[in-house]
Amino acid sequence: MQYTVIFDVQPDGGYHASCPALPGCHSEGDTLDEAIANIREAIAVYLESLQAHGEPFPIEDILIKPLTVTLTP
C-alpha cells in the first residue's frame, strides 16, 4: 500500500506526521527518520484494524499542487 504523508516541522523541534487519506492517522518523531518509522507503524495498525473489521482500505484521491498567491499592497 502507498499513501501520502505530510510532515510538519514543530516549533519546539521534531516532526508531526499525518496521512490525509486515513482520518485520524497521525504520529510524530524527534527526527524525520523517527517520524517516518512511527507513521509507517501507525498506518500499518490503521490498515490492520480496517482489515480485522472487514472494512475496505481507503483509496487515496489527493492532489497536491503548490499555488502562488499575490498580495496587493
N, C-alpha and C. Protein backbone atom coordinates (compact mmCIF):
# COMPACT_ATOMS: atom_id res chain seq x y z
N MET A 1 0.84 -1.17 0.00
CA MET A 1 0.00 0.00 0.00
C MET A 1 0.89 1.24 0.00
N GLN A 2 0.41 2.28 -0.63
CA GLN A 2 1.15 3.54 -0.67
C GLN A 2 0.20 4.69 -0.38
N TYR A 3 0.57 5.52 0.60
CA TYR A 3 -0.23 6.67 0.98
C TYR A 3 0.67 7.89 1.12
N THR A 4 0.11 9.06 0.83
CA THR A 4 0.82 10.32 1.00
C THR A 4 0.83 10.67 2.49
N VAL A 5 1.99 11.13 2.95
CA VAL A 5 2.14 11.57 4.34
C VAL A 5 2.67 12.99 4.33
N ILE A 6 2.14 13.81 5.22
CA ILE A 6 2.59 15.19 5.36
C ILE A 6 3.38 15.29 6.66
N PHE A 7 4.57 15.87 6.56
CA PHE A 7 5.43 16.07 7.72
C PHE A 7 5.53 17.56 8.01
N ASP A 8 5.12 17.96 9.20
CA ASP A 8 5.21 19.35 9.63
C ASP A 8 6.30 19.48 10.68
N VAL A 9 7.22 20.42 10.46
CA VAL A 9 8.26 20.70 11.44
C VAL A 9 7.60 21.41 12.62
N GLN A 10 7.87 20.94 13.83
CA GLN A 10 7.27 21.51 15.02
C GLN A 10 8.15 22.64 15.58
N PRO A 11 7.55 23.69 16.12
CA PRO A 11 8.32 24.83 16.62
C PRO A 11 9.33 24.45 17.70
N ASP A 12 9.01 23.46 18.52
CA ASP A 12 9.91 23.05 19.60
C ASP A 12 10.85 21.93 19.17
N GLY A 13 10.84 21.60 17.88
CA GLY A 13 11.68 20.52 17.36
C GLY A 13 10.85 19.29 17.06
N GLY A 14 11.37 18.47 16.21
CA GLY A 14 10.68 17.25 15.84
C GLY A 14 9.69 17.47 14.70
N TYR A 15 8.95 16.41 14.39
CA TYR A 15 8.05 16.41 13.25
C TYR A 15 6.70 15.81 13.64
N HIS A 16 5.66 16.38 13.11
CA HIS A 16 4.32 15.80 13.20
C HIS A 16 4.02 15.21 11.83
N ALA A 17 3.52 13.98 11.81
CA ALA A 17 3.21 13.29 10.55
C ALA A 17 1.74 12.95 10.51
N SER A 18 1.11 13.18 9.36
CA SER A 18 -0.29 12.82 9.19
C SER A 18 -0.51 12.23 7.80
N CYS A 19 -1.50 11.37 7.72
CA CYS A 19 -1.85 10.72 6.46
C CYS A 19 -3.28 11.14 6.11
N PRO A 20 -3.45 12.10 5.20
CA PRO A 20 -4.78 12.64 4.90
C PRO A 20 -5.80 11.60 4.45
N ALA A 21 -5.38 10.55 3.79
CA ALA A 21 -6.33 9.54 3.31
C ALA A 21 -6.87 8.66 4.43
N LEU A 22 -6.20 8.70 5.59
CA LEU A 22 -6.61 7.88 6.73
C LEU A 22 -6.95 8.81 7.89
N PRO A 23 -8.19 9.26 7.98
CA PRO A 23 -8.57 10.24 9.00
C PRO A 23 -8.17 9.80 10.41
N GLY A 24 -7.51 10.70 11.12
CA GLY A 24 -7.09 10.42 12.48
C GLY A 24 -5.76 9.69 12.59
N CYS A 25 -5.14 9.38 11.47
CA CYS A 25 -3.86 8.67 11.48
C CYS A 25 -2.73 9.70 11.54
N HIS A 26 -2.19 9.87 12.75
CA HIS A 26 -1.14 10.84 13.00
C HIS A 26 -0.04 10.19 13.83
N SER A 27 1.14 10.77 13.78
CA SER A 27 2.24 10.34 14.63
C SER A 27 3.23 11.48 14.72
N GLU A 28 4.35 11.23 15.38
CA GLU A 28 5.38 12.24 15.50
C GLU A 28 6.72 11.58 15.75
N GLY A 29 7.77 12.38 15.70
CA GLY A 29 9.09 11.87 15.99
C GLY A 29 10.05 13.03 16.21
N ASP A 30 11.10 12.77 16.97
CA ASP A 30 12.11 13.81 17.23
C ASP A 30 12.94 14.12 16.01
N THR A 31 13.10 13.12 15.13
CA THR A 31 13.82 13.30 13.87
C THR A 31 12.91 12.89 12.73
N LEU A 32 13.27 13.28 11.51
CA LEU A 32 12.46 12.89 10.36
C LEU A 32 12.44 11.38 10.22
N ASP A 33 13.58 10.73 10.41
CA ASP A 33 13.62 9.26 10.30
C ASP A 33 12.71 8.61 11.34
N GLU A 34 12.70 9.14 12.55
CA GLU A 34 11.83 8.60 13.59
C GLU A 34 10.36 8.83 13.25
N ALA A 35 10.05 10.02 12.74
CA ALA A 35 8.66 10.31 12.35
C ALA A 35 8.21 9.39 11.22
N ILE A 36 9.10 9.11 10.27
CA ILE A 36 8.76 8.20 9.17
C ILE A 36 8.47 6.81 9.71
N ALA A 37 9.34 6.31 10.58
CA ALA A 37 9.13 4.98 11.16
C ALA A 37 7.83 4.92 11.95
N ASN A 38 7.55 5.96 12.71
CA ASN A 38 6.34 5.98 13.54
C ASN A 38 5.07 6.07 12.71
N ILE A 39 5.07 6.87 11.65
CA ILE A 39 3.85 6.97 10.84
C ILE A 39 3.65 5.70 10.02
N ARG A 40 4.73 5.05 9.62
CA ARG A 40 4.59 3.74 8.94
C ARG A 40 3.88 2.75 9.86
N GLU A 41 4.31 2.73 11.11
CA GLU A 41 3.68 1.83 12.07
C GLU A 41 2.21 2.21 12.29
N ALA A 42 1.93 3.51 12.41
CA ALA A 42 0.56 3.97 12.61
C ALA A 42 -0.33 3.58 11.43
N ILE A 43 0.19 3.73 10.22
CA ILE A 43 -0.57 3.37 9.02
C ILE A 43 -0.84 1.86 9.01
N ALA A 44 0.17 1.06 9.35
CA ALA A 44 0.00 -0.39 9.37
C ALA A 44 -1.07 -0.79 10.38
N VAL A 45 -1.04 -0.20 11.57
CA VAL A 45 -2.04 -0.52 12.60
C VAL A 45 -3.44 -0.09 12.14
N TYR A 46 -3.53 1.06 11.51
CA TYR A 46 -4.80 1.57 10.99
C TYR A 46 -5.38 0.59 9.98
N LEU A 47 -4.54 0.17 9.02
CA LEU A 47 -5.00 -0.75 7.98
C LEU A 47 -5.34 -2.12 8.54
N GLU A 48 -4.56 -2.59 9.52
CA GLU A 48 -4.85 -3.88 10.17
C GLU A 48 -6.21 -3.83 10.86
N SER A 49 -6.53 -2.69 11.48
CA SER A 49 -7.82 -2.54 12.14
C SER A 49 -8.96 -2.58 11.13
N LEU A 50 -8.79 -1.88 10.01
CA LEU A 50 -9.81 -1.93 8.96
C LEU A 50 -10.01 -3.36 8.47
N GLN A 51 -8.90 -4.04 8.23
CA GLN A 51 -8.95 -5.42 7.74
C GLN A 51 -9.66 -6.33 8.74
N ALA A 52 -9.35 -6.17 10.03
CA ALA A 52 -9.96 -7.00 11.06
C ALA A 52 -11.47 -6.79 11.15
N HIS A 53 -11.93 -5.60 10.78
CA HIS A 53 -13.36 -5.30 10.82
C HIS A 53 -14.04 -5.47 9.46
N GLY A 54 -13.29 -6.01 8.50
CA GLY A 54 -13.87 -6.27 7.18
C GLY A 54 -14.17 -5.02 6.38
N GLU A 55 -13.50 -3.92 6.72
CA GLU A 55 -13.73 -2.66 6.01
C GLU A 55 -12.69 -2.50 4.89
N PRO A 56 -13.04 -1.83 3.81
CA PRO A 56 -12.11 -1.65 2.70
C PRO A 56 -11.01 -0.64 3.04
N PHE A 57 -9.88 -0.79 2.40
CA PHE A 57 -8.80 0.19 2.55
C PHE A 57 -9.16 1.43 1.74
N PRO A 58 -8.94 2.60 2.31
CA PRO A 58 -9.24 3.83 1.57
C PRO A 58 -8.37 3.96 0.32
N ILE A 59 -8.98 4.46 -0.73
CA ILE A 59 -8.25 4.77 -1.95
C ILE A 59 -7.84 6.24 -1.85
N GLU A 60 -6.58 6.49 -2.01
CA GLU A 60 -6.10 7.87 -1.92
C GLU A 60 -6.50 8.64 -3.17
N ASP A 61 -7.14 9.77 -2.95
CA ASP A 61 -7.58 10.62 -4.04
C ASP A 61 -7.18 12.06 -3.69
N ILE A 62 -5.88 12.28 -3.66
CA ILE A 62 -5.35 13.57 -3.22
C ILE A 62 -4.54 14.19 -4.35
N LEU A 63 -4.73 15.46 -4.53
CA LEU A 63 -3.92 16.22 -5.48
C LEU A 63 -3.20 17.30 -4.68
N ILE A 64 -1.89 17.28 -4.72
CA ILE A 64 -1.08 18.28 -4.03
C ILE A 64 -0.43 19.15 -5.10
N LYS A 65 -0.70 20.44 -5.01
CA LYS A 65 -0.17 21.38 -6.01
C LYS A 65 0.17 22.68 -5.33
N PRO A 66 1.41 23.15 -5.48
CA PRO A 66 1.75 24.46 -4.92
C PRO A 66 1.03 25.56 -5.70
N LEU A 67 0.60 26.58 -5.00
CA LEU A 67 -0.07 27.71 -5.62
C LEU A 67 0.66 29.00 -5.25
N THR A 68 0.72 29.90 -6.19
CA THR A 68 1.28 31.23 -5.93
C THR A 68 0.13 32.19 -5.67
N VAL A 69 0.25 32.94 -4.59
CA VAL A 69 -0.78 33.91 -4.23
C VAL A 69 -0.12 35.29 -4.22
N THR A 70 -0.71 36.22 -4.91
CA THR A 70 -0.18 37.57 -4.97
C THR A 70 -1.00 38.49 -4.08
N LEU A 71 -0.31 39.23 -3.24
CA LEU A 71 -0.98 40.19 -2.37
C LEU A 71 -0.75 41.58 -2.92
N THR A 72 -1.79 42.38 -2.89
CA THR A 72 -1.65 43.76 -3.33
C THR A 72 -1.45 44.63 -2.10
N PRO A 73 -0.54 45.61 -2.21
CA PRO A 73 -0.27 46.47 -1.03
C PRO A 73 -1.42 47.37 -0.68
